[in-house]
Every structure is written in structure tokens, then in C-alpha cells.
Amino acid sequence: MSATFITMIIRSVTFFMMCVIASVNLHNRIFFRLMRAPIAFFENNPIGRILNRFTKDMGIVDEQMPLCLYDLIS
């Protein structure tokens, strides 16, 4: 019984770390692309709109990715 519990704990921690690493990697890739966008992009889009969109999209990813990955693994 304790072996099952330990296995479940290890699985949960591994899953959590996998989600955090994936989220950080995605954030870094999006930020990298945003910083290399042409100046015209920043002239046409206010910084508040860009920041709002970036944080909202990352929030959605952080909420939905664990659920999707859990369904994929199960």
C-alpha cells in the first residue's frame, strides 16, 4: 500500500514539474518572438494591449495545459 502511495506522489510531482517546465519554455519562446517583432508592430499596437494579451494567453495556457496533459497521459 505504501509503495502505491509513493508511486502516486512521484507521478504527481513529475507531472507538476513537467507542466511548469513546459509553461516556462512557452513563455520564453513567446517573449523571444515578441522582442524581435518589427517596430511597426509596436507602433500599431499599444503596449497595454500587447501586455494584456500576453498575460491573458499565458494564464489560459497555465490553466488548460495540465488538464490536457493529464488527459493525454491517462
N, C-alpha and C. Protein backbone atom coordinates (compact mmCIF):
# COMPACT_ATOMS: atom_id res chain seq x y z
N MET A 1 0.82 -1.19 0.00
CA MET A 1 0.00 0.00 0.00
C MET A 1 0.87 1.26 0.00
N SER A 2 1.94 1.26 0.76
CA SER A 2 2.80 2.44 0.81
C SER A 2 3.56 2.62 -0.50
N ALA A 3 3.86 1.52 -1.19
CA ALA A 3 4.54 1.62 -2.49
C ALA A 3 3.64 2.32 -3.51
N THR A 4 2.35 2.03 -3.46
CA THR A 4 1.40 2.69 -4.35
C THR A 4 1.33 4.18 -4.05
N PHE A 5 1.30 4.51 -2.78
CA PHE A 5 1.24 5.92 -2.37
C PHE A 5 2.49 6.67 -2.82
N ILE A 6 3.64 6.08 -2.63
CA ILE A 6 4.90 6.71 -3.04
C ILE A 6 4.95 6.88 -4.55
N THR A 7 4.48 5.87 -5.28
CA THR A 7 4.44 5.96 -6.74
C THR A 7 3.52 7.08 -7.19
N MET A 8 2.38 7.22 -6.54
CA MET A 8 1.45 8.29 -6.90
C MET A 8 2.04 9.67 -6.61
N ILE A 9 2.75 9.80 -5.50
CA ILE A 9 3.40 11.07 -5.16
C ILE A 9 4.46 11.41 -6.20
N ILE A 10 5.28 10.44 -6.55
CA ILE A 10 6.33 10.67 -7.55
C ILE A 10 5.70 11.05 -8.90
N ARG A 11 4.65 10.37 -9.26
CA ARG A 11 3.96 10.67 -10.52
C ARG A 11 3.39 12.09 -10.51
N SER A 12 2.78 12.49 -9.40
CA SER A 12 2.21 13.83 -9.30
C SER A 12 3.27 14.92 -9.36
N VAL A 13 4.37 14.72 -8.65
CA VAL A 13 5.46 15.70 -8.65
C VAL A 13 6.08 15.79 -10.04
N THR A 14 6.27 14.66 -10.69
CA THR A 14 6.83 14.65 -12.04
C THR A 14 5.90 15.38 -13.01
N PHE A 15 4.62 15.11 -12.91
CA PHE A 15 3.65 15.78 -13.77
C PHE A 15 3.65 17.28 -13.53
N PHE A 16 3.67 17.69 -12.27
CA PHE A 16 3.69 19.11 -11.94
C PHE A 16 4.94 19.79 -12.51
N MET A 17 6.09 19.17 -12.34
CA MET A 17 7.33 19.75 -12.85
C MET A 17 7.32 19.82 -14.38
N MET A 18 6.76 18.81 -15.02
CA MET A 18 6.67 18.80 -16.47
C MET A 18 5.81 19.97 -16.96
N CYS A 19 4.70 20.23 -16.28
CA CYS A 19 3.83 21.35 -16.66
C CYS A 19 4.51 22.69 -16.44
N VAL A 20 5.22 22.84 -15.33
CA VAL A 20 5.91 24.10 -15.06
C VAL A 20 7.00 24.35 -16.10
N ILE A 21 7.78 23.34 -16.41
CA ILE A 21 8.85 23.50 -17.40
C ILE A 21 8.27 23.83 -18.77
N ALA A 22 7.20 23.17 -19.16
CA ALA A 22 6.58 23.45 -20.45
C ALA A 22 6.04 24.88 -20.50
N SER A 23 5.43 25.32 -19.42
CA SER A 23 4.90 26.68 -19.37
C SER A 23 6.00 27.73 -19.45
N VAL A 24 7.08 27.51 -18.73
CA VAL A 24 8.21 28.45 -18.77
C VAL A 24 8.83 28.49 -20.16
N ASN A 25 9.00 27.33 -20.77
CA ASN A 25 9.56 27.29 -22.13
C ASN A 25 8.67 28.02 -23.13
N LEU A 26 7.37 27.82 -23.03
CA LEU A 26 6.44 28.51 -23.92
C LEU A 26 6.49 30.02 -23.70
N HIS A 27 6.50 30.43 -22.45
CA HIS A 27 6.60 31.86 -22.12
C HIS A 27 7.86 32.46 -22.73
N ASN A 28 8.97 31.79 -22.56
CA ASN A 28 10.24 32.31 -23.09
C ASN A 28 10.23 32.39 -24.61
N ARG A 29 9.65 31.41 -25.26
CA ARG A 29 9.59 31.43 -26.73
C ARG A 29 8.71 32.57 -27.24
N ILE A 30 7.56 32.78 -26.59
CA ILE A 30 6.67 33.87 -27.00
C ILE A 30 7.35 35.22 -26.75
N PHE A 31 7.98 35.36 -25.60
CA PHE A 31 8.66 36.62 -25.27
C PHE A 31 9.81 36.88 -26.24
N PHE A 32 10.55 35.84 -26.60
CA PHE A 32 11.65 35.97 -27.56
C PHE A 32 11.13 36.49 -28.89
N ARG A 33 10.03 35.92 -29.38
CA ARG A 33 9.44 36.36 -30.65
C ARG A 33 8.90 37.79 -30.54
N LEU A 34 8.30 38.12 -29.41
CA LEU A 34 7.76 39.47 -29.23
C LEU A 34 8.86 40.52 -29.23
N MET A 35 9.97 40.22 -28.62
CA MET A 35 11.08 41.18 -28.58
C MET A 35 11.75 41.36 -29.94
N ARG A 36 11.53 40.43 -30.84
CA ARG A 36 12.12 40.55 -32.18
C ARG A 36 11.10 40.97 -33.23
N ALA A 37 9.94 41.43 -32.76
CA ALA A 37 8.92 41.92 -33.69
C ALA A 37 9.38 43.26 -34.27
N PRO A 38 8.95 43.55 -35.48
CA PRO A 38 9.34 44.83 -36.08
C PRO A 38 8.75 46.02 -35.32
N ILE A 39 9.39 47.17 -35.45
CA ILE A 39 8.94 48.38 -34.76
C ILE A 39 7.51 48.74 -35.17
N ALA A 40 7.15 48.47 -36.40
CA ALA A 40 5.80 48.78 -36.87
C ALA A 40 4.74 48.06 -36.03
N PHE A 41 5.05 46.87 -35.55
CA PHE A 41 4.11 46.14 -34.70
C PHE A 41 3.82 46.93 -33.42
N PHE A 42 4.85 47.50 -32.81
CA PHE A 42 4.68 48.25 -31.57
C PHE A 42 4.06 49.62 -31.83
N GLU A 43 4.24 50.16 -33.02
CA GLU A 43 3.60 51.43 -33.37
C GLU A 43 2.10 51.25 -33.59
N ASN A 44 1.71 50.10 -34.11
CA ASN A 44 0.29 49.84 -34.41
C ASN A 44 -0.48 49.29 -33.22
N ASN A 45 0.20 48.70 -32.25
CA ASN A 45 -0.46 48.09 -31.09
C ASN A 45 0.05 48.75 -29.81
N PRO A 46 -0.87 49.30 -29.01
CA PRO A 46 -0.43 49.90 -27.74
C PRO A 46 0.18 48.84 -26.82
N ILE A 47 1.16 49.27 -26.02
CA ILE A 47 1.86 48.33 -25.14
C ILE A 47 0.91 47.67 -24.14
N GLY A 48 -0.11 48.40 -23.71
CA GLY A 48 -1.09 47.82 -22.78
C GLY A 48 -1.85 46.66 -23.39
N ARG A 49 -2.20 46.79 -24.66
CA ARG A 49 -2.91 45.72 -25.35
C ARG A 49 -2.01 44.50 -25.51
N ILE A 50 -0.75 44.74 -25.85
CA ILE A 50 0.21 43.64 -26.02
C ILE A 50 0.40 42.92 -24.69
N LEU A 51 0.61 43.68 -23.62
CA LEU A 51 0.83 43.10 -22.30
C LEU A 51 -0.40 42.34 -21.82
N ASN A 52 -1.58 42.92 -22.03
CA ASN A 52 -2.82 42.26 -21.62
C ASN A 52 -3.01 40.94 -22.37
N ARG A 53 -2.77 40.96 -23.66
CA ARG A 53 -2.94 39.75 -24.47
C ARG A 53 -1.94 38.67 -24.05
N PHE A 54 -0.69 39.08 -23.84
CA PHE A 54 0.36 38.15 -23.44
C PHE A 54 0.03 37.48 -22.11
N THR A 55 -0.36 38.28 -21.11
CA THR A 55 -0.65 37.70 -19.79
C THR A 55 -1.93 36.86 -19.82
N LYS A 56 -2.93 37.30 -20.58
CA LYS A 56 -4.17 36.52 -20.66
C LYS A 56 -3.93 35.17 -21.32
N ASP A 57 -3.19 35.18 -22.43
CA ASP A 57 -2.90 33.92 -23.12
C ASP A 57 -2.07 32.98 -22.25
N MET A 58 -1.09 33.51 -21.54
CA MET A 58 -0.28 32.66 -20.67
C MET A 58 -1.12 32.12 -19.51
N GLY A 59 -2.05 32.92 -19.01
CA GLY A 59 -2.95 32.44 -17.95
C GLY A 59 -3.82 31.29 -18.43
N ILE A 60 -4.34 31.40 -19.64
CA ILE A 60 -5.15 30.33 -20.21
C ILE A 60 -4.32 29.06 -20.38
N VAL A 61 -3.11 29.23 -20.89
CA VAL A 61 -2.22 28.07 -21.07
C VAL A 61 -1.93 27.42 -19.73
N ASP A 62 -1.64 28.23 -18.71
CA ASP A 62 -1.32 27.67 -17.39
C ASP A 62 -2.51 26.93 -16.79
N GLU A 63 -3.72 27.35 -17.11
CA GLU A 63 -4.91 26.67 -16.59
C GLU A 63 -5.24 25.41 -17.38
N GLN A 64 -5.14 25.46 -18.69
CA GLN A 64 -5.61 24.38 -19.55
C GLN A 64 -4.57 23.29 -19.81
N MET A 65 -3.29 23.66 -19.83
CA MET A 65 -2.25 22.69 -20.17
C MET A 65 -2.22 21.49 -19.22
N PRO A 66 -2.27 21.69 -17.90
CA PRO A 66 -2.26 20.50 -17.03
C PRO A 66 -3.43 19.56 -17.29
N LEU A 67 -4.61 20.11 -17.54
CA LEU A 67 -5.77 19.26 -17.81
C LEU A 67 -5.59 18.47 -19.10
N CYS A 68 -5.11 19.13 -20.14
CA CYS A 68 -4.90 18.44 -21.42
C CYS A 68 -3.80 17.39 -21.31
N LEU A 69 -2.72 17.73 -20.63
CA LEU A 69 -1.63 16.76 -20.48
C LEU A 69 -2.07 15.57 -19.64
N TYR A 70 -2.87 15.81 -18.61
CA TYR A 70 -3.35 14.71 -17.78
C TYR A 70 -4.25 13.78 -18.60
N ASP A 71 -5.12 14.37 -19.45
CA ASP A 71 -5.96 13.55 -20.32
C ASP A 71 -5.12 12.77 -21.32
N LEU A 72 -4.05 13.38 -21.80
CA LEU A 72 -3.17 12.71 -22.75
C LEU A 72 -2.48 11.50 -22.11
N ILE A 73 -2.03 11.68 -20.88
CA ILE A 73 -1.32 10.61 -20.18
C ILE A 73 -2.27 9.48 -19.78
N SER A 74 -3.48 9.83 -19.38
CA SER A 74 -4.44 8.83 -18.89
C SER A 74 -4.95 7.93 -19.98
